[in-house]
PDB file of N, CA and C in Angstrom:
ATOM      1  N   MET A   1      55.745 121.289  92.868  1.00  0.00           N
ATOM      2  CA  MET A   1      56.511 120.073  92.808  1.00  0.00           C
ATOM      3  C   MET A   1      57.020 119.765  94.212  1.00  0.00           C
ATOM      4  N   SER A   2      56.835 118.538  94.655  1.00  0.00           N
ATOM      5  CA  SER A   2      57.251 118.181  96.007  1.00  0.00           C
ATOM      6  C   SER A   2      58.755 117.918  96.049  1.00  0.00           C
ATOM      7  N   THR A   3      59.291 117.916  97.271  1.00  0.00           N
ATOM      8  CA  THR A   3      60.731 117.669  97.409  1.00  0.00           C
ATOM      9  C   THR A   3      61.076 116.236  97.055  1.00  0.00           C
ATOM     10  N   GLU A   4      60.119 115.321  97.256  1.00  0.00           N
ATOM     11  CA  GLU A   4      60.361 113.911  96.916  1.00  0.00           C
ATOM     12  C   GLU A   4      60.528 113.753  95.402  1.00  0.00           C
ATOM     13  N   THR A   5      59.689 114.439  94.633  1.00  0.00           N
ATOM     14  CA  THR A   5      59.787 114.384  93.177  1.00  0.00           C
ATOM     15  C   THR A   5      61.087 115.030  92.706  1.00  0.00           C
ATOM     16  N   THR A   6      61.491 116.111  93.343  1.00  0.00           N
ATOM     17  CA  THR A   6      62.731 116.781  92.968  1.00  0.00           C
ATOM     18  C   THR A   6      63.932 115.875  93.202  1.00  0.00           C
ATOM     19  N   ASN A   7      63.939 115.143  94.324  1.00  0.00           N
ATOM     20  CA  ASN A   7      65.050 114.233  94.619  1.00  0.00           C
ATOM     21  C   ASN A   7      65.119 113.095  93.614  1.00  0.00           C
ATOM     22  N   VAL A   8      63.957 112.598  93.181  1.00  0.00           N
ATOM     23  CA  VAL A   8      63.934 111.520  92.195  1.00  0.00           C
ATOM     24  C   VAL A   8      64.497 112.012  90.878  1.00  0.00           C
ATOM     25  N   HIS A   9      64.107 113.220  90.462  1.00  0.00           N
ATOM     26  CA  HIS A   9      64.623 113.765  89.207  1.00  0.00           C
ATOM     27  C   HIS A   9      66.121 114.028  89.292  1.00  0.00           C
ATOM     28  N   ALA A  10      66.597 114.474  90.431  1.00  0.00           N
ATOM     29  CA  ALA A  10      68.037 114.728  90.584  1.00  0.00           C
ATOM     30  C   ALA A  10      68.817 113.426  90.496  1.00  0.00           C
ATOM     31  N   GLU A  11      68.289 112.343  91.072  1.00  0.00           N
ATOM     32  CA  GLU A  11      68.982 111.065  91.002  1.00  0.00           C
ATOM     33  C   GLU A  11      68.948 110.493  89.591  1.00  0.00           C
ATOM     34  N   GLU A  12      67.833 110.692  88.886  1.00  0.00           N
ATOM     35  CA  GLU A  12      67.748 110.195  87.515  1.00  0.00           C
ATOM     36  C   GLU A  12      68.704 110.952  86.599  1.00  0.00           C
ATOM     37  N   ALA A  13      68.967 112.206  86.907  1.00  0.00           N
ATOM     38  CA  ALA A  13      69.858 113.009  86.082  1.00  0.00           C
ATOM     39  C   ALA A  13      71.324 112.752  86.403  1.00  0.00           C
ATOM     40  N   GLY A  14      71.584 111.866  87.360  1.00  0.00           N
ATOM     41  CA  GLY A  14      72.959 111.550  87.691  1.00  0.00           C
ATOM     42  C   GLY A  14      73.541 112.425  88.783  1.00  0.00           C
ATOM     43  N   HIS A  15      72.692 113.131  89.508  1.00  0.00           N
ATOM     44  CA  HIS A  15      73.187 114.009  90.561  1.00  0.00           C
ATOM     45  C   HIS A  15      72.869 113.462  91.943  1.00  0.00           C
ATOM     46  N   GLY A  16      72.697 112.161  92.055  1.00  0.00           N
ATOM     47  CA  GLY A  16      72.364 111.542  93.333  1.00  0.00           C
ATOM     48  C   GLY A  16      73.590 111.348  94.184  1.00  0.00           C
ATOM     49  N   GLU A  17      73.866 110.117  94.504  1.00  0.00           N
ATOM     50  CA  GLU A  17      74.981 109.834  95.392  1.00  0.00           C
ATOM     51  C   GLU A  17      76.330 109.937  94.692  1.00  0.00           C
ATOM     52  N   HIS A  18      76.357 110.033  93.357  1.00  0.00           N
ATOM     53  CA  HIS A  18      77.617 110.089  92.619  1.00  0.00           C
ATOM     54  C   HIS A  18      78.051 111.519  92.320  1.00  0.00           C
ATOM     55  N   ASP A  19      77.379 112.504  92.901  1.00  0.00           N
ATOM     56  CA  ASP A  19      77.736 113.871  92.568  1.00  0.00           C
ATOM     57  C   ASP A  19      79.058 114.283  93.208  1.00  0.00           C
ATOM     58  N   THR A  20      79.638 113.462  94.070  1.00  0.00           N
ATOM     59  CA  THR A  20      80.920 113.799  94.656  1.00  0.00           C
ATOM     60  C   THR A  20      82.071 113.522  93.702  1.00  0.00           C
ATOM     61  N   MET A  21      81.810 112.902  92.577  1.00  0.00           N
ATOM     62  CA  MET A  21      82.851 112.620  91.580  1.00  0.00           C
ATOM     63  C   MET A  21      82.964 113.824  90.658  1.00  0.00           C
ATOM     64  N   THR A  22      83.720 114.817  91.088  1.00  0.00           N
ATOM     65  CA  THR A  22      83.881 116.050  90.332  1.00  0.00           C
ATOM     66  C   THR A  22      85.053 115.922  89.359  1.00  0.00           C
ATOM     67  N   LYS A  23      85.181 116.896  88.490  1.00  0.00           N
ATOM     68  CA  LYS A  23      86.306 116.903  87.551  1.00  0.00           C
ATOM     69  C   LYS A  23      87.629 116.964  88.290  1.00  0.00           C
ATOM     70  N   LYS A  24      87.660 117.726  89.373  1.00  0.00           N
ATOM     71  CA  LYS A  24      88.887 117.851  90.166  1.00  0.00           C
ATOM     72  C   LYS A  24      89.299 116.497  90.734  1.00  0.00           C
ATOM     73  N   ARG A  25      88.338 115.746  91.243  1.00  0.00           N
ATOM     74  CA  ARG A  25      88.636 114.423  91.809  1.00  0.00           C
ATOM     75  C   ARG A  25      89.050 113.442  90.707  1.00  0.00           C
ATOM     76  N   ILE A  26      88.406 113.515  89.550  1.00  0.00           N
ATOM     77  CA  ILE A  26      88.770 112.636  88.434  1.00  0.00           C
ATOM     78  C   ILE A  26      90.212 112.886  88.018  1.00  0.00           C
ATOM     79  N   TRP A  27      90.606 114.148  87.905  1.00  0.00           N
ATOM     80  CA  TRP A  27      91.982 114.458  87.529  1.00  0.00           C
ATOM     81  C   TRP A  27      92.964 114.046  88.617  1.00  0.00           C
ATOM     82  N   ARG A  28      92.559 114.204  89.881  1.00  0.00           N
ATOM     83  CA  ARG A  28      93.442 113.784  90.974  1.00  0.00           C
ATOM     84  C   ARG A  28      93.686 112.283  90.923  1.00  0.00           C
ATOM     85  N   VAL A  29      92.630 111.500  90.717  1.00  0.00           N
ATOM     86  CA  VAL A  29      92.772 110.044  90.605  1.00  0.00           C
ATOM     87  C   VAL A  29      93.591 109.694  89.364  1.00  0.00           C
ATOM     88  N   PHE A  30      93.378 110.418  88.268  1.00  0.00           N
ATOM     89  CA  PHE A  30      94.164 110.191  87.060  1.00  0.00           C
ATOM     90  C   PHE A  30      95.652 110.394  87.328  1.00  0.00           C
ATOM     91  N   TYR A  31      96.000 111.468  88.021  1.00  0.00           N
ATOM     92  CA  TYR A  31      97.414 111.732  88.300  1.00  0.00           C
ATOM     93  C   TYR A  31      98.000 110.723  89.285  1.00  0.00           C
ATOM     94  N   ILE A  32      97.204 110.237  90.210  1.00  0.00           N
ATOM     95  CA  ILE A  32      97.679 109.174  91.102  1.00  0.00           C
ATOM     96  C   ILE A  32      97.969 107.910  90.303  1.00  0.00           C
ATOM     97  N   LEU A  33      97.043 107.533  89.414  1.00  0.00           N
ATOM     98  CA  LEU A  33      97.267 106.357  88.566  1.00  0.00           C
ATOM     99  C   LEU A  33      98.462 106.562  87.642  1.00  0.00           C
ATOM    100  N   LEU A  34      98.615 107.755  87.105  1.00  0.00           N
ATOM    101  CA  LEU A  34      99.767 108.058  86.258  1.00  0.00           C
ATOM    102  C   LEU A  34     101.072 107.949  87.044  1.00  0.00           C
ATOM    103  N   GLY A  35     101.071 108.448  88.267  1.00  0.00           N
ATOM    104  CA  GLY A  35     102.256 108.362  89.101  1.00  0.00           C
ATOM    105  C   GLY A  35     102.635 106.926  89.426  1.00  0.00           C
ATOM    106  N   ILE A  36     101.648 106.112  89.762  1.00  0.00           N
ATOM    107  CA  ILE A  36     101.917 104.699  90.049  1.00  0.00           C
ATOM    108  C   ILE A  36     102.456 104.000  88.803  1.00  0.00           C
ATOM    109  N   THR A  37     101.880 104.307  87.644  1.00  0.00           N
ATOM    110  CA  THR A  37     102.360 103.712  86.396  1.00  0.00           C
ATOM    111  C   THR A  37     103.782 104.157  86.094  1.00  0.00           C
ATOM    112  N   CYS A  38     104.102 105.417  86.334  1.00  0.00           N
ATOM    113  CA  CYS A  38     105.472 105.897  86.113  1.00  0.00           C
ATOM    114  C   CYS A  38     106.454 105.189  87.044  1.00  0.00           C
ATOM    115  N   ILE A  39     106.068 104.959  88.283  1.00  0.00           N
ATOM    116  CA  ILE A  39     106.923 104.217  89.215  1.00  0.00           C
ATOM    117  C   ILE A  39     107.153 102.802  88.703  1.00  0.00           C
ATOM    118  N   GLU A  40     106.096 102.167  88.208  1.00  0.00           N
ATOM    119  CA  GLU A  40     106.246 100.806  87.673  1.00  0.00           C
ATOM    120  C   GLU A  40     107.194 100.790  86.474  1.00  0.00           C
ATOM    121  N   PHE A  41     107.050 101.763  85.559  1.00  0.00           N
ATOM    122  CA  PHE A  41     107.954 101.832  84.412  1.00  0.00           C
ATOM    123  C   PHE A  41     109.390 102.119  84.841  1.00  0.00           C
ATOM    124  N   PHE A  42     109.566 102.981  85.821  1.00  0.00           N
ATOM    125  CA  PHE A  42     110.900 103.291  86.317  1.00  0.00           C
ATOM    126  C   PHE A  42     111.565 102.039  86.881  1.00  0.00           C
ATOM    127  N   ILE A  43     110.805 101.269  87.646  1.00  0.00           N
ATOM    128  CA  ILE A  43     111.353 100.030  88.204  1.00  0.00           C
ATOM    129  C   ILE A  43     111.685  99.049  87.078  1.00  0.00           C
ATOM    130  N   ALA A  44     110.774  98.895  86.120  1.00  0.00           N
ATOM    131  CA  ALA A  44     110.957  97.900  85.060  1.00  0.00           C
ATOM    132  C   ALA A  44     112.070  98.290  84.083  1.00  0.00           C
ATOM    133  N   LEU A  45     112.183  99.565  83.754  1.00  0.00           N
ATOM    134  CA  LEU A  45     113.133  99.975  82.729  1.00  0.00           C
ATOM    135  C   LEU A  45     114.485 100.421  83.261  1.00  0.00           C
ATOM    136  N   TYR A  46     114.550 100.819  84.529  1.00  0.00           N
ATOM    137  CA  TYR A  46     115.819 101.296  85.049  1.00  0.00           C
ATOM    138  C   TYR A  46     116.359 100.413  86.185  1.00  0.00           C
ATOM    139  N   LEU A  47     115.563 100.222  87.221  1.00  0.00           N
ATOM    140  CA  LEU A  47     116.087  99.531  88.397  1.00  0.00           C
ATOM    141  C   LEU A  47     116.337  98.047  88.164  1.00  0.00           C
ATOM    142  N   VAL A  48     115.393  97.361  87.540  1.00  0.00           N
ATOM    143  CA  VAL A  48     115.562  95.915  87.340  1.00  0.00           C
ATOM    144  C   VAL A  48     116.758  95.613  86.448  1.00  0.00           C
ATOM    145  N   PRO A  49     116.908  96.247  85.272  1.00  0.00           N
ATOM    146  CA  PRO A  49     118.104  95.935  84.476  1.00  0.00           C
ATOM    147  C   PRO A  49     119.404  96.374  85.161  1.00  0.00           C
ATOM    148  N   HIS A  50     119.342  97.471  85.928  1.00  0.00           N
ATOM    149  CA  HIS A  50     120.542  97.990  86.561  1.00  0.00           C
ATOM    150  C   HIS A  50     121.004  97.103  87.725  1.00  0.00           C
ATOM    151  N   TYR A  51     120.068  96.575  88.497  1.00  0.00           N
ATOM    152  CA  TYR A  51     120.404  95.772  89.673  1.00  0.00           C
ATOM    153  C   TYR A  51     120.193  94.277  89.464  1.00  0.00           C
ATOM    154  N   ASN A  52     119.993  93.857  88.227  1.00  0.00           N
ATOM    155  CA  ASN A  52     119.709  92.446  87.968  1.00  0.00           C
ATOM    156  C   ASN A  52     121.021  91.662  87.878  1.00  0.00           C
ATOM    157  N   SER A  53     121.511  91.274  89.024  1.00  0.00           N
ATOM    158  CA  SER A  53     122.726  90.456  89.060  1.00  0.00           C
ATOM    159  C   SER A  53     122.328  89.032  89.404  1.00  0.00           C
ATOM    160  N   GLY A  54     122.227  88.208  88.397  1.00  0.00           N
ATOM    161  CA  GLY A  54     121.870  86.816  88.629  1.00  0.00           C
ATOM    162  C   GLY A  54     120.392  86.590  88.888  1.00  0.00           C
ATOM    163  N   GLY A  55     119.531  87.497  88.457  1.00  0.00           N
ATOM    164  CA  GLY A  55     118.085  87.302  88.626  1.00  0.00           C
ATOM    165  C   GLY A  55     117.557  87.691  89.995  1.00  0.00           C
ATOM    166  N   ASN A  56     118.345  88.416  90.795  1.00  0.00           N
ATOM    167  CA  ASN A  56     117.906  88.803  92.135  1.00  0.00           C
ATOM    168  C   ASN A  56     116.879  89.923  92.119  1.00  0.00           C
ATOM    169  N   ALA A  57     116.797  90.673  91.045  1.00  0.00           N
ATOM    170  CA  ALA A  57     115.879  91.807  90.994  1.00  0.00           C
ATOM    171  C   ALA A  57     114.427  91.361  91.022  1.00  0.00           C
ATOM    172  N   SER A  58     114.135  90.193  90.484  1.00  0.00           N
ATOM    173  CA  SER A  58     112.745  89.750  90.480  1.00  0.00           C
ATOM    174  C   SER A  58     112.246  89.420  91.875  1.00  0.00           C
ATOM    175  N   HIS A  59     113.149  89.142  92.804  1.00  0.00           N
ATOM    176  CA  HIS A  59     112.730  88.831  94.171  1.00  0.00           C
ATOM    177  C   HIS A  59     112.157  90.053  94.882  1.00  0.00           C
ATOM    178  N   TRP A  60     112.671  91.222  94.578  1.00  0.00           N
ATOM    179  CA  TRP A  60     112.117  92.419  95.213  1.00  0.00           C
ATOM    180  C   TRP A  60     111.199  93.197  94.283  1.00  0.00           C
ATOM    181  N   ALA A  61     111.330  93.023  92.974  1.00  0.00           N
ATOM    182  CA  ALA A  61     110.511  93.798  92.035  1.00  0.00           C
ATOM    183  C   ALA A  61     109.080  93.254  91.955  1.00  0.00           C
ATOM    184  N   ASN A  62     108.912  91.955  91.947  1.00  0.00           N
ATOM    185  CA  ASN A  62     107.566  91.384  91.808  1.00  0.00           C
ATOM    186  C   ASN A  62     106.634  91.774  92.959  1.00  0.00           C
ATOM    187  N   PRO A  63     107.051  91.691  94.225  1.00  0.00           N
ATOM    188  CA  PRO A  63     106.139  92.155  95.290  1.00  0.00           C
ATOM    189  C   PRO A  63     105.794  93.636  95.173  1.00  0.00           C
ATOM    190  N   ILE A  64     106.745  94.446  94.712  1.00  0.00           N
ATOM    191  CA  ILE A  64     106.452  95.874  94.529  1.00  0.00           C
ATOM    192  C   ILE A  64     105.423  96.066  93.422  1.00  0.00           C
ATOM    193  N   TYR A  65     105.567  95.324  92.320  1.00  0.00           N
ATOM    194  CA  TYR A  65     104.575  95.392  91.235  1.00  0.00           C
ATOM    195  C   TYR A  65     103.190  94.983  91.728  1.00  0.00           C
ATOM    196  N   ILE A  66     103.138  93.944  92.528  1.00  0.00           N
ATOM    197  CA  ILE A  66     101.844  93.461  93.028  1.00  0.00           C
ATOM    198  C   ILE A  66     101.178  94.518  93.894  1.00  0.00           C
ATOM    199  N   VAL A  67     101.928  95.125  94.801  1.00  0.00           N
ATOM    200  CA  VAL A  67     101.357  96.159  95.681  1.00  0.00           C
ATOM    201  C   VAL A  67     100.905  97.368  94.870  1.00  0.00           C
ATOM    202  N   LEU A  68     101.729  97.812  93.933  1.00  0.00           N
ATOM    203  CA  LEU A  68     101.346  98.958  93.108  1.00  0.00           C
ATOM    204  C   LEU A  68     100.123  98.655  92.249  1.00  0.00           C
ATOM    205  N   THR A  69     100.039  97.436  91.741  1.00  0.00           N
ATOM    206  CA  THR A  69      98.873  97.044  90.942  1.00  0.00           C
ATOM    207  C   THR A  69      97.613  96.999  91.797  1.00  0.00           C
ATOM    208  N   LEU A  70      97.723  96.567  93.042  1.00  0.00           N
ATOM    209  CA  LEU A  70      96.560  96.567  93.938  1.00  0.00           C
ATOM    210  C   LEU A  70      96.099  97.989  94.228  1.00  0.00           C
ATOM    211  N   PHE A  71      97.045  98.933  94.401  1.00  0.00           N
ATOM    212  CA  PHE A  71      96.662 100.332  94.578  1.00  0.00           C
ATOM    213  C   PHE A  71      95.935 100.856  93.342  1.00  0.00           C
ATOM    214  N   LYS A  72      96.446 100.536  92.162  1.00  0.00           N
ATOM    215  CA  LYS A  72      95.781 100.970  90.933  1.00  0.00           C
ATOM    216  C   LYS A  72      94.391 100.355  90.813  1.00  0.00           C
ATOM    217  N   ALA A  73      94.273  99.083  91.155  1.00  0.00           N
ATOM    218  CA  ALA A  73      92.956  98.430  91.090  1.00  0.00           C
ATOM    219  C   ALA A  73      91.979  99.091  92.063  1.00  0.00           C
ATOM    220  N   PHE A  74      92.451  99.472  93.259  1.00  0.00           N
ATOM    221  CA  PHE A  74      91.584 100.146  94.216  1.00  0.00           C
ATOM    222  C   PHE A  74      91.043 101.452  93.635  1.00  0.00           C
ATOM    223  N   TYR A  75      91.922 102.248  93.047  1.00  0.00           N
ATOM    224  CA  TYR A  75      91.477 103.530  92.494  1.00  0.00           C
ATOM    225  C   TYR A  75      90.551 103.345  91.296  1.00  0.00           C
ATOM    226  N   ILE A  76      90.849 102.395  90.437  1.00  0.00           N
ATOM    227  CA  ILE A  76      89.994 102.173  89.272  1.00  0.00           C
ATOM    228  C   ILE A  76      88.621 101.689  89.690  1.00  0.00           C
ATOM    229  N   VAL A  77      88.589 100.693  90.556  1.00  0.00           N
ATOM    230  CA  VAL A  77      87.299 100.141  90.997  1.00  0.00           C
ATOM    231  C   VAL A  77      86.569 101.138  91.884  1.00  0.00           C
ATOM    232  N   GLY A  78      87.293 101.802  92.753  1.00  0.00           N
ATOM    233  CA  GLY A  78      86.657 102.709  93.702  1.00  0.00           C
ATOM    234  C   GLY A  78      86.086 103.959  93.076  1.00  0.00           C
ATOM    235  N   TYR A  79      86.826 104.565  92.166  1.00  0.00           N
ATOM    236  CA  TYR A  79      86.389 105.851  91.636  1.00  0.00           C
ATOM    237  C   TYR A  79      85.754 105.743  90.254  1.00  0.00           C
ATOM    238  N   PHE A  80      86.401 105.054  89.313  1.00  0.00           N
ATOM    239  CA  PHE A  80      85.871 105.029  87.960  1.00  0.00           C
ATOM    240  C   PHE A  80      84.715 104.047  87.811  1.00  0.00           C
ATOM    241  N   MET A  81      84.674 103.022  88.648  1.00  0.00           N
ATOM    242  CA  MET A  81      83.537 102.105  88.619  1.00  0.00           C
ATOM    243  C   MET A  81      82.540 102.450  89.726  1.00  0.00           C
ATOM    244  N   HIS A  82      82.787 103.529  90.470  1.00  0.00           N
ATOM    245  CA  HIS A  82      81.891 104.098  91.476  1.00  0.00           C
ATOM    246  C   HIS A  82      81.600 103.159  92.639  1.00  0.00           C
ATOM    247  N   LEU A  83      82.466 102.188  92.896  1.00  0.00           N
ATOM    248  CA  LEU A  83      82.237 101.288  94.025  1.00  0.00           C
ATOM    249  C   LEU A  83      82.443 102.003  95.350  1.00  0.00           C
ATOM    250  N   LYS A  84      83.259 103.025  95.367  1.00  0.00           N
ATOM    251  CA  LYS A  84      83.500 103.791  96.589  1.00  0.00           C
ATOM    252  C   LYS A  84      82.234 104.503  97.037  1.00  0.00           C
ATOM    253  N   PHE A  85      81.361 104.807  96.125  1.00  0.00           N
ATOM    254  CA  PHE A  85      80.160 105.561  96.445  1.00  0.00           C
ATOM    255  C   PHE A  85      78.941 104.673  96.659  1.00  0.00           C
ATOM    256  N   GLU A  86      79.097 103.374  96.515  1.00  0.00           N
ATOM    257  CA  GLU A  86      77.981 102.459  96.707  1.00  0.00           C
ATOM    258  C   GLU A  86      77.779 102.187  98.190  1.00  0.00           C
ATOM    259  N   LYS A  87      76.664 101.589  98.485  1.00  0.00           N
ATOM    260  CA  LYS A  87      76.384 101.208  99.863  1.00  0.00           C
ATOM    261  C   LYS A  87      77.289 100.041 100.251  1.00  0.00           C
ATOM    262  N   LEU A  88      77.454  99.837 101.535  1.00  0.00           N
ATOM    263  CA  LEU A  88      78.376  98.832 102.042  1.00  0.00           C
ATOM    264  C   LEU A  88      77.994  97.428 101.586  1.00  0.00           C
ATOM    265  N   ASP A  89      76.714  97.105 101.571  1.00  0.00           N
ATOM    266  CA  ASP A  89      76.292  95.761 101.163  1.00  0.00           C
ATOM    267  C   ASP A  89      76.682  95.462  99.713  1.00  0.00           C
ATOM    268  N   MET A  90      76.523  96.433  98.849  1.00  0.00           N
ATOM    269  CA  MET A  90      76.883  96.254  97.447  1.00  0.00           C
ATOM    270  C   MET A  90      78.387  96.069  97.300  1.00  0.00           C
ATOM    271  N   ALA A  91      79.148  96.875  98.047  1.00  0.00           N
ATOM    272  CA  ALA A  91      80.605  96.764  97.981  1.00  0.00           C
ATOM    273  C   ALA A  91      81.058  95.404  98.503  1.00  0.00           C
ATOM    274  N   LEU A  92      80.489  94.946  99.591  1.00  0.00           N
ATOM    275  CA  LEU A  92      80.873  93.640 100.138  1.00  0.00           C
ATOM    276  C   LEU A  92      80.467  92.501  99.218  1.00  0.00           C
ATOM    277  N   ALA A  93      79.354  92.659  98.510  1.00  0.00           N
ATOM    278  CA  ALA A  93      78.923  91.616  97.577  1.00  0.00           C
ATOM    279  C   ALA A  93      79.900  91.462  96.420  1.00  0.00           C
ATOM    280  N   ILE A  94      80.646  92.489  96.125  1.00  0.00           N
ATOM    281  CA  ILE A  94      81.640  92.412  95.056  1.00  0.00           C
ATOM    282  C   ILE A  94      83.022  92.065  95.608  1.00  0.00           C
ATOM    283  N   ILE A  95      83.404  92.668  96.708  1.00  0.00           N
ATOM    284  CA  ILE A  95      84.757  92.507  97.233  1.00  0.00           C
ATOM    285  C   ILE A  95      84.996  91.124  97.832  1.00  0.00           C
ATOM    286  N   VAL A  96      84.057  90.600  98.599  1.00  0.00           N
ATOM    287  CA  VAL A  96      84.260  89.307  99.272  1.00  0.00           C
ATOM    288  C   VAL A  96      84.484  88.165  98.280  1.00  0.00           C
ATOM    289  N   PRO A  97      83.679  88.005  97.221  1.00  0.00           N
ATOM    290  CA  PRO A  97      83.992  86.937  96.258  1.00  0.00           C
ATOM    291  C   PRO A  97      85.340  87.117  95.576  1.00  0.00           C
ATOM    292  N   VAL A  98      85.733  88.356  95.309  1.00  0.00           N
ATOM    293  CA  VAL A  98      87.038  88.591  94.694  1.00  0.00           C
ATOM    294  C   VAL A  98      88.156  88.138  95.635  1.00  0.00           C
ATOM    295  N   LEU A  99      88.006  88.395  96.929  1.00  0.00           N
ATOM    296  CA  LEU A  99      89.004  87.943  97.896  1.00  0.00           C
ATOM    297  C   LEU A  99      89.073  86.421  97.953  1.00  0.00           C
ATOM    298  N   PHE A 100      87.923  85.753  97.874  1.00  0.00           N
ATOM    299  CA  PHE A 100      87.924  84.292  97.846  1.00  0.00           C
ATOM    300  C   PHE A 100      88.600  83.760  96.580  1.00  0.00           C
ATOM    301  N   ILE A 101      88.382  84.414  95.462  1.00  0.00           N
ATOM    302  CA  ILE A 101      89.018  83.990  94.213  1.00  0.00           C
ATOM    303  C   ILE A 101      90.532  84.166  94.303  1.00  0.00           C
ATOM    304  N   ILE A 102      90.969  85.287  94.877  1.00  0.00           N
ATOM    305  CA  ILE A 102      92.410  85.501  95.056  1.00  0.00           C
ATOM    306  C   ILE A 102      92.989  84.427  95.971  1.00  0.00           C
ATOM    307  N   GLY A 103      92.293  84.099  97.053  1.00  0.00           N
ATOM    308  CA  GLY A 103      92.745  83.031  97.940  1.00  0.00           C
ATOM    309  C   GLY A 103      92.809  81.692  97.232  1.00  0.00           C
ATOM    310  N   LEU A 104      91.822  81.415  96.397  1.00  0.00           N
ATOM    311  CA  LEU A 104      91.824  80.164  95.639  1.00  0.00           C
ATOM    312  C   LEU A 104      93.013  80.107  94.682  1.00  0.00           C
ATOM    313  N   ILE A 105      93.301  81.218  94.025  1.00  0.00           N
ATOM    314  CA  ILE A 105      94.453  81.265  93.123  1.00  0.00           C
ATOM    315  C   ILE A 105      95.745  81.008  93.894  1.00  0.00           C
ATOM    316  N   LEU A 106      95.884  81.610  95.072  1.00  0.00           N
ATOM    317  CA  LEU A 106      97.093  81.394  95.870  1.00  0.00           C
ATOM    318  C   LEU A 106      97.224  79.940  96.312  1.00  0.00           C
ATOM    319  N   VAL A 107      96.118  79.331  96.732  1.00  0.00           N
ATOM    320  CA  VAL A 107      96.158  77.928  97.155  1.00  0.00           C
ATOM    321  C   VAL A 107      96.492  77.024  95.969  1.00  0.00           C
ATOM    322  N   LEU A 108      95.872  77.272  94.824  1.00  0.00           N
ATOM    323  CA  LEU A 108      96.144  76.445  93.652  1.00  0.00           C
ATOM    324  C   LEU A 108      97.573  76.632  93.146  1.00  0.00           C
ATOM    325  N   THR A 109      98.096  77.841  93.254  1.00  0.00           N
ATOM    326  CA  THR A 109      99.490  78.071  92.865  1.00  0.00           C
ATOM    327  C   THR A 109     100.433  77.283  93.769  1.00  0.00           C
ATOM    328  N   ASN A 110     100.171  77.307  95.053  1.00  0.00           N
ATOM    329  CA  ASN A 110     100.985  76.544  95.991  1.00  0.00           C
ATOM    330  C   ASN A 110     100.881  75.053  95.687  1.00  0.00           C
ATOM    331  N   GLU A 111      99.697  74.574  95.401  1.00  0.00           N
ATOM    332  CA  GLU A 111      99.497  73.158  95.094  1.00  0.00           C
ATOM    333  C   GLU A 111     100.173  72.771  93.789  1.00  0.00           C
ATOM    334  N   SER A 112     100.176  73.664  92.806  1.00  0.00           N
ATOM    335  CA  SER A 112     100.825  73.344  91.532  1.00  0.00           C
ATOM    336  C   SER A 112     102.329  73.193  91.710  1.00  0.00           C
ATOM    337  N   HIS A 113     102.914  73.980  92.590  1.00  0.00           N
ATOM    338  CA  HIS A 113     104.340  73.830  92.862  1.00  0.00           C
ATOM    339  C   HIS A 113     104.629  72.469  93.497  1.00  0.00           C
ATOM    340  N   TYR A 114     103.718  71.997  94.313  1.00  0.00           N
ATOM    341  CA  TYR A 114     103.899  70.684  94.918  1.00  0.00           C
ATOM    342  C   TYR A 114     103.951  69.599  93.840  1.00  0.00           C
ATOM    343  N   TRP A 115     103.041  69.670  92.874  1.00  0.00           N
ATOM    344  CA  TRP A 115     103.019  68.653  91.817  1.00  0.00           C
ATOM    345  C   TRP A 115     104.231  68.766  90.909  1.00  0.00           C
ATOM    346  N   ILE A 116     104.709  69.968  90.647  1.00  0.00           N
ATOM    347  CA  ILE A 116     105.917  70.135  89.836  1.00  0.00           C
ATOM    348  C   ILE A 116     107.124  69.555  90.570  1.00  0.00           C
ATOM    349  N   ASP A 117     107.228  69.832  91.861  1.00  0.00           N
ATOM    350  CA  ASP A 117     108.344  69.284  92.641  1.00  0.00           C
ATOM    351  C   ASP A 117     108.246  67.773  92.765  1.00  0.00           C
ATOM    352  N   LEU A 118     107.038  67.238  92.809  1.00  0.00           N
ATOM    353  CA  LEU A 118     106.856  65.797  92.924  1.00  0.00           C
ATOM    354  C   LEU A 118     107.323  65.094  91.655  1.00  0.00           C
ATOM    355  N   ARG A 119     107.128  65.733  90.496  1.00  0.00           N
ATOM    356  CA  ARG A 119     107.522  65.147  89.226  1.00  0.00           C
ATOM    357  C   ARG A 119     109.031  65.072  89.073  1.00  0.00           C
ATOM    358  N   LEU A 120     109.750  66.009  89.651  1.00  0.00           N
ATOM    359  CA  LEU A 120     111.208  66.047  89.505  1.00  0.00           C
ATOM    360  C   LEU A 120     111.822  65.069  90.393  1.00  0.00           C
TER     361      LEU A 120
END
């Protein structure tokens, strides 16, 4: 059996470029996601009600939620959807349109506030 045939069989069996996703790494990513989720719950259940004087907590809590959610999305997409192990072209083909969609949402949100303010 040639080495070329052996490499093809190893890739078909799932031991190709994704073999770096070991059980240890899966559990590490799981605990990172669990930790981020615990921080989000701590903020939502303890800090926001405790420091919510006149609705000021949402001014600092929402940006923290957004950043933590982006970290969680990175780990989910990167490790569990195996985007971290893909080639750069494949990753850019997915990431760049998502960034444009996020930009479009931000622009449309800003524009919607303009129309709401115009109505008042």
